[in-house]
Amino acid sequence: MLKPTKHTNVKFSVIYIAGKILSFLTKETIIKYDDLKEMLIHEIGVKSKNNVDFALTFLFSIGKIEYLKNIDAIKLLSNNDED
């Protein structure tokens, strides 16, 4: 669901899920991938798992997160140029 329609539930959109991921990562800087997915499913619902990877790809492409392959975790990158 990269392109929303008038029937799209905003809670399952890539942007909303990306925002939830960032809010989780501000509390804990590093979260294991499986734990993050479970947190999102618990918070938003089962349908959110379809767009988790798209949201992570979006956040990675704009330089907000990093994937730590050795521990299978997502890390929040600090951004010094924010206001």
N, C-alpha and C. Protein backbone atom coordinates (compact mmCIF):
# COMPACT_ATOMS: atom_id res chain seq x y z
N MET A 1 0.83 -1.16 0.00
CA MET A 1 0.00 0.00 0.00
C MET A 1 0.89 1.24 0.00
N LEU A 2 1.63 1.43 -1.03
CA LEU A 2 2.45 2.62 -1.13
C LEU A 2 1.66 3.82 -1.62
N LYS A 3 0.65 3.55 -2.45
CA LYS A 3 -0.19 4.63 -2.95
C LYS A 3 -1.56 4.54 -2.29
N PRO A 4 -1.88 5.51 -1.44
CA PRO A 4 -3.17 5.44 -0.73
C PRO A 4 -4.35 5.73 -1.65
N THR A 5 -5.49 5.19 -1.30
CA THR A 5 -6.74 5.47 -1.99
C THR A 5 -7.71 6.06 -0.97
N LYS A 6 -8.93 6.35 -1.40
CA LYS A 6 -9.90 6.91 -0.47
C LYS A 6 -10.36 5.88 0.56
N HIS A 7 -10.08 4.61 0.31
CA HIS A 7 -10.45 3.54 1.24
C HIS A 7 -9.31 3.13 2.16
N THR A 8 -8.16 3.76 2.01
CA THR A 8 -6.98 3.42 2.80
C THR A 8 -7.15 3.88 4.24
N ASN A 9 -6.85 2.98 5.17
CA ASN A 9 -6.83 3.35 6.58
C ASN A 9 -5.45 3.95 6.87
N VAL A 10 -5.41 5.18 7.32
CA VAL A 10 -4.16 5.90 7.53
C VAL A 10 -3.26 5.18 8.54
N LYS A 11 -3.84 4.46 9.49
CA LYS A 11 -3.05 3.75 10.50
C LYS A 11 -2.12 2.70 9.91
N PHE A 12 -2.42 2.23 8.72
CA PHE A 12 -1.59 1.20 8.10
C PHE A 12 -0.73 1.75 6.99
N SER A 13 -0.61 3.07 6.88
CA SER A 13 0.21 3.69 5.84
C SER A 13 1.69 3.64 6.24
N VAL A 14 2.53 3.74 5.23
CA VAL A 14 3.98 3.70 5.45
C VAL A 14 4.43 4.87 6.32
N ILE A 15 3.90 6.04 6.08
CA ILE A 15 4.31 7.22 6.85
C ILE A 15 3.91 7.09 8.32
N TYR A 16 2.71 6.62 8.60
CA TYR A 16 2.26 6.46 9.98
C TYR A 16 3.12 5.41 10.70
N ILE A 17 3.37 4.29 10.04
CA ILE A 17 4.19 3.24 10.65
C ILE A 17 5.61 3.73 10.87
N ALA A 18 6.14 4.50 9.92
CA ALA A 18 7.49 5.07 10.08
C ALA A 18 7.54 5.99 11.29
N GLY A 19 6.50 6.77 11.49
CA GLY A 19 6.43 7.64 12.67
C GLY A 19 6.41 6.85 13.97
N LYS A 20 5.66 5.75 13.97
CA LYS A 20 5.62 4.89 15.16
C LYS A 20 6.99 4.27 15.42
N ILE A 21 7.66 3.85 14.36
CA ILE A 21 9.00 3.28 14.51
C ILE A 21 9.94 4.30 15.13
N LEU A 22 9.89 5.54 14.63
CA LEU A 22 10.74 6.59 15.19
C LEU A 22 10.41 6.87 16.65
N SER A 23 9.14 6.81 17.01
CA SER A 23 8.78 7.05 18.42
C SER A 23 9.29 5.92 19.31
N PHE A 24 9.23 4.68 18.82
CA PHE A 24 9.79 3.57 19.59
C PHE A 24 11.30 3.70 19.73
N LEU A 25 11.96 4.11 18.65
CA LEU A 25 13.42 4.21 18.66
C LEU A 25 13.92 5.40 19.47
N THR A 26 13.10 6.40 19.70
CA THR A 26 13.53 7.50 20.56
C THR A 26 13.56 7.08 22.02
N LYS A 27 12.73 6.09 22.37
CA LYS A 27 12.73 5.57 23.74
C LYS A 27 13.86 4.57 23.94
N GLU A 28 14.07 3.70 22.96
CA GLU A 28 15.15 2.72 22.97
C GLU A 28 15.92 2.90 21.67
N THR A 29 17.19 3.22 21.72
CA THR A 29 17.95 3.54 20.52
C THR A 29 18.11 2.34 19.59
N ILE A 30 18.21 1.15 20.14
CA ILE A 30 18.38 -0.06 19.33
C ILE A 30 17.28 -1.06 19.71
N ILE A 31 16.57 -1.56 18.68
CA ILE A 31 15.51 -2.55 18.90
C ILE A 31 15.69 -3.67 17.89
N LYS A 32 15.61 -4.90 18.37
CA LYS A 32 15.69 -6.04 17.47
C LYS A 32 14.52 -6.00 16.49
N TYR A 33 14.77 -6.47 15.27
CA TYR A 33 13.77 -6.41 14.20
C TYR A 33 12.49 -7.12 14.60
N ASP A 34 12.58 -8.34 15.11
CA ASP A 34 11.38 -9.09 15.49
C ASP A 34 10.62 -8.40 16.62
N ASP A 35 11.35 -7.84 17.57
CA ASP A 35 10.70 -7.12 18.67
C ASP A 35 9.97 -5.87 18.16
N LEU A 36 10.61 -5.17 17.24
CA LEU A 36 9.99 -3.97 16.67
C LEU A 36 8.71 -4.33 15.92
N LYS A 37 8.75 -5.40 15.16
CA LYS A 37 7.57 -5.84 14.42
C LYS A 37 6.44 -6.21 15.38
N GLU A 38 6.76 -6.90 16.46
CA GLU A 38 5.75 -7.26 17.46
C GLU A 38 5.18 -6.03 18.15
N MET A 39 6.03 -5.05 18.43
CA MET A 39 5.57 -3.82 19.06
C MET A 39 4.58 -3.09 18.15
N LEU A 40 4.87 -3.06 16.85
CA LEU A 40 3.98 -2.41 15.90
C LEU A 40 2.66 -3.15 15.76
N ILE A 41 2.72 -4.47 15.72
CA ILE A 41 1.49 -5.27 15.63
C ILE A 41 0.63 -5.05 16.86
N HIS A 42 1.27 -5.00 18.03
CA HIS A 42 0.53 -4.78 19.27
C HIS A 42 -0.08 -3.38 19.30
N GLU A 43 0.66 -2.38 18.83
CA GLU A 43 0.21 -0.99 18.89
C GLU A 43 -0.83 -0.66 17.81
N ILE A 44 -0.59 -1.10 16.58
CA ILE A 44 -1.44 -0.69 15.45
C ILE A 44 -2.42 -1.78 15.04
N GLY A 45 -1.93 -3.01 14.95
CA GLY A 45 -2.78 -4.11 14.51
C GLY A 45 -2.03 -5.03 13.56
N VAL A 46 -2.62 -6.17 13.28
CA VAL A 46 -1.98 -7.21 12.47
C VAL A 46 -1.72 -6.72 11.04
N LYS A 47 -2.59 -5.88 10.51
CA LYS A 47 -2.43 -5.40 9.13
C LYS A 47 -1.18 -4.53 8.96
N SER A 48 -0.63 -4.05 10.05
CA SER A 48 0.55 -3.19 9.95
C SER A 48 1.78 -3.95 9.49
N LYS A 49 1.82 -5.27 9.72
CA LYS A 49 3.02 -6.03 9.38
C LYS A 49 3.28 -6.07 7.88
N ASN A 50 2.26 -5.78 7.06
CA ASN A 50 2.45 -5.74 5.61
C ASN A 50 3.33 -4.58 5.17
N ASN A 51 3.35 -3.49 5.93
CA ASN A 51 4.09 -2.30 5.53
C ASN A 51 5.30 -1.98 6.40
N VAL A 52 5.63 -2.85 7.32
CA VAL A 52 6.78 -2.59 8.20
C VAL A 52 8.07 -2.47 7.39
N ASP A 53 8.28 -3.39 6.48
CA ASP A 53 9.51 -3.36 5.68
C ASP A 53 9.57 -2.12 4.79
N PHE A 54 8.43 -1.70 4.24
CA PHE A 54 8.40 -0.48 3.43
C PHE A 54 8.73 0.73 4.29
N ALA A 55 8.21 0.78 5.51
CA ALA A 55 8.49 1.90 6.41
C ALA A 55 9.96 1.92 6.81
N LEU A 56 10.53 0.75 7.06
CA LEU A 56 11.96 0.69 7.39
C LEU A 56 12.82 1.12 6.21
N THR A 57 12.44 0.71 5.02
CA THR A 57 13.16 1.13 3.82
C THR A 57 13.09 2.64 3.64
N PHE A 58 11.92 3.21 3.88
CA PHE A 58 11.75 4.66 3.79
C PHE A 58 12.66 5.37 4.79
N LEU A 59 12.65 4.91 6.04
CA LEU A 59 13.48 5.56 7.07
C LEU A 59 14.97 5.39 6.78
N PHE A 60 15.36 4.24 6.25
CA PHE A 60 16.75 4.02 5.89
C PHE A 60 17.17 4.95 4.75
N SER A 61 16.28 5.12 3.77
CA SER A 61 16.61 5.94 2.61
C SER A 61 16.76 7.42 2.94
N ILE A 62 16.10 7.89 3.99
CA ILE A 62 16.25 9.29 4.38
C ILE A 62 17.26 9.47 5.52
N GLY A 63 17.96 8.39 5.85
CA GLY A 63 19.07 8.49 6.81
C GLY A 63 18.68 8.55 8.26
N LYS A 64 17.52 8.03 8.63
CA LYS A 64 17.08 8.08 10.02
C LYS A 64 17.47 6.83 10.81
N ILE A 65 17.61 5.69 10.14
CA ILE A 65 17.92 4.44 10.83
C ILE A 65 19.06 3.71 10.14
N GLU A 66 19.59 2.75 10.87
CA GLU A 66 20.63 1.87 10.35
C GLU A 66 20.29 0.45 10.75
N TYR A 67 20.55 -0.50 9.86
CA TYR A 67 20.31 -1.91 10.17
C TYR A 67 21.61 -2.53 10.64
N LEU A 68 21.58 -3.15 11.82
CA LEU A 68 22.75 -3.83 12.38
C LEU A 68 22.62 -5.32 12.10
N LYS A 69 23.31 -5.77 11.07
CA LYS A 69 23.16 -7.14 10.58
C LYS A 69 23.60 -8.18 11.62
N ASN A 70 24.67 -7.90 12.34
CA ASN A 70 25.21 -8.89 13.27
C ASN A 70 24.27 -9.23 14.43
N ILE A 71 23.39 -8.30 14.81
CA ILE A 71 22.44 -8.58 15.88
C ILE A 71 20.98 -8.50 15.41
N ASP A 72 20.77 -8.32 14.10
CA ASP A 72 19.44 -8.23 13.50
C ASP A 72 18.59 -7.20 14.23
N ALA A 73 19.10 -5.97 14.24
CA ALA A 73 18.42 -4.90 14.97
C ALA A 73 18.42 -3.61 14.16
N ILE A 74 17.55 -2.72 14.56
CA ILE A 74 17.42 -1.40 13.95
C ILE A 74 17.94 -0.37 14.94
N LYS A 75 18.77 0.56 14.44
CA LYS A 75 19.36 1.58 15.31
C LYS A 75 18.96 2.96 14.80
N LEU A 76 18.56 3.82 15.71
CA LEU A 76 18.24 5.20 15.37
C LEU A 76 19.54 5.98 15.22
N LEU A 77 19.67 6.70 14.13
CA LEU A 77 20.85 7.53 13.91
C LEU A 77 20.58 8.92 14.44
N SER A 78 21.56 9.50 15.10
CA SER A 78 21.38 10.86 15.62
C SER A 78 21.58 11.83 14.47
N ASN A 79 20.80 12.87 14.49
CA ASN A 79 20.85 13.87 13.44
C ASN A 79 21.15 15.21 14.08
N ASN A 80 22.35 15.72 13.88
CA ASN A 80 22.76 16.95 14.53
C ASN A 80 22.22 18.21 13.86
N ASP A 81 21.69 18.08 12.62
CA ASP A 81 21.24 19.27 11.92
C ASP A 81 19.74 19.54 12.11
N GLU A 82 19.10 18.88 13.06
CA GLU A 82 17.68 19.13 13.33
C GLU A 82 17.53 20.34 14.22
N ASP A 83 16.39 21.01 14.13
CA ASP A 83 16.13 22.20 14.97
C ASP A 83 15.78 21.81 16.37
